[in-house]
């Protein structure tokens, strides 16, 4: 019987994306802790993720 577990595994997340997503999450948490609405915190996280993706590309 053939071992197919390696063929079905998703590709691991690159270190660049891990850094980008952690920074975005931290930005969202920081904005939320300052008392901003959830939408503003999500916007800050999204902006950081998009910005770092462009800078680090």
C-alpha atoms as a PDB file:
ATOM      1  CA  UNK A   1       0.000   0.000   0.000  1.00  0.00           C
ATOM      2  CA  UNK A   2       1.333   3.407  -0.983  1.00  0.00           C
ATOM      3  CA  UNK A   3       1.900   6.186   1.552  1.00  0.00           C
ATOM      4  CA  UNK A   4      -0.073   9.228   0.335  1.00  0.00           C
ATOM      5  CA  UNK A   5       0.028  11.421   3.444  1.00  0.00           C
ATOM      6  CA  UNK A   6       2.709  13.724   2.015  1.00  0.00           C
ATOM      7  CA  UNK A   7       0.740  14.330  -1.176  1.00  0.00           C
ATOM      8  CA  UNK A   8      -2.327  15.637   0.645  1.00  0.00           C
ATOM      9  CA  UNK A   9      -0.597  17.969   3.070  1.00  0.00           C
ATOM     10  CA  UNK A  10      -1.123  21.690   2.563  1.00  0.00           C
ATOM     11  CA  UNK A  11       1.923  23.787   1.813  1.00  0.00           C
ATOM     12  CA  UNK A  12       3.380  25.266   5.032  1.00  0.00           C
ATOM     13  CA  UNK A  13       2.966  28.993   5.601  1.00  0.00           C
ATOM     14  CA  UNK A  14       6.102  30.941   4.747  1.00  0.00           C
ATOM     15  CA  UNK A  15       7.922  32.851   7.472  1.00  0.00           C
ATOM     16  CA  UNK A  16       7.078  36.120   5.712  1.00  0.00           C
ATOM     17  CA  UNK A  17       3.338  35.465   6.001  1.00  0.00           C
ATOM     18  CA  UNK A  18       3.660  34.436   9.642  1.00  0.00           C
ATOM     19  CA  UNK A  19       5.331  37.773  10.431  1.00  0.00           C
ATOM     20  CA  UNK A  20       2.720  39.714   8.435  1.00  0.00           C
ATOM     21  CA  UNK A  21      -0.252  37.992  10.097  1.00  0.00           C
ATOM     22  CA  UNK A  22       1.175  38.335  13.609  1.00  0.00           C
ATOM     23  CA  UNK A  23       1.839  42.047  13.052  1.00  0.00           C
ATOM     24  CA  UNK A  24      -1.683  42.521  11.720  1.00  0.00           C
ATOM     25  CA  UNK A  25      -3.172  40.750  14.708  1.00  0.00           C
ATOM     26  CA  UNK A  26      -1.119  42.820  17.117  1.00  0.00           C
ATOM     27  CA  UNK A  27      -2.216  46.035  15.385  1.00  0.00           C
ATOM     28  CA  UNK A  28      -5.846  44.993  15.641  1.00  0.00           C
ATOM     29  CA  UNK A  29      -5.489  44.164  19.327  1.00  0.00           C
ATOM     30  CA  UNK A  30      -3.702  47.453  20.025  1.00  0.00           C
ATOM     31  CA  UNK A  31      -6.465  49.471  18.359  1.00  0.00           C
ATOM     32  CA  UNK A  32      -9.145  47.473  20.187  1.00  0.00           C
ATOM     33  CA  UNK A  33      -7.400  48.050  23.534  1.00  0.00           C
ATOM     34  CA  UNK A  34      -7.454  51.785  22.875  1.00  0.00           C
ATOM     35  CA  UNK A  35     -11.233  51.570  22.941  1.00  0.00           C
ATOM     36  CA  UNK A  36     -11.979  51.728  19.232  1.00  0.00           C
ATOM     37  CA  UNK A  37     -14.927  49.839  17.755  1.00  0.00           C
ATOM     38  CA  UNK A  38     -14.362  46.330  16.420  1.00  0.00           C
ATOM     39  CA  UNK A  39     -14.627  47.544  12.829  1.00  0.00           C
ATOM     40  CA  UNK A  40     -11.787  50.017  13.365  1.00  0.00           C
ATOM     41  CA  UNK A  41      -9.617  47.309  14.910  1.00  0.00           C
ATOM     42  CA  UNK A  42     -10.316  45.001  11.976  1.00  0.00           C
ATOM     43  CA  UNK A  43      -9.522  47.837   9.570  1.00  0.00           C
ATOM     44  CA  UNK A  44      -6.211  48.521  11.287  1.00  0.00           C
ATOM     45  CA  UNK A  45      -5.297  44.837  11.151  1.00  0.00           C
ATOM     46  CA  UNK A  46      -6.230  44.645   7.470  1.00  0.00           C
ATOM     47  CA  UNK A  47      -4.276  47.779   6.629  1.00  0.00           C
ATOM     48  CA  UNK A  48      -1.163  46.458   8.349  1.00  0.00           C
ATOM     49  CA  UNK A  49      -1.459  43.109   6.573  1.00  0.00           C
ATOM     50  CA  UNK A  50      -1.879  44.727   3.158  1.00  0.00           C
ATOM     51  CA  UNK A  51       0.897  47.232   3.792  1.00  0.00           C
ATOM     52  CA  UNK A  52       3.421  44.663   4.982  1.00  0.00           C
ATOM     53  CA  UNK A  53       2.541  42.377   2.095  1.00  0.00           C
ATOM     54  CA  UNK A  54       3.464  45.162  -0.309  1.00  0.00           C
ATOM     55  CA  UNK A  55       6.627  46.168   1.555  1.00  0.00           C
ATOM     56  CA  UNK A  56       7.923  42.633   2.051  1.00  0.00           C
ATOM     57  CA  UNK A  57       7.062  41.382  -1.454  1.00  0.00           C
END
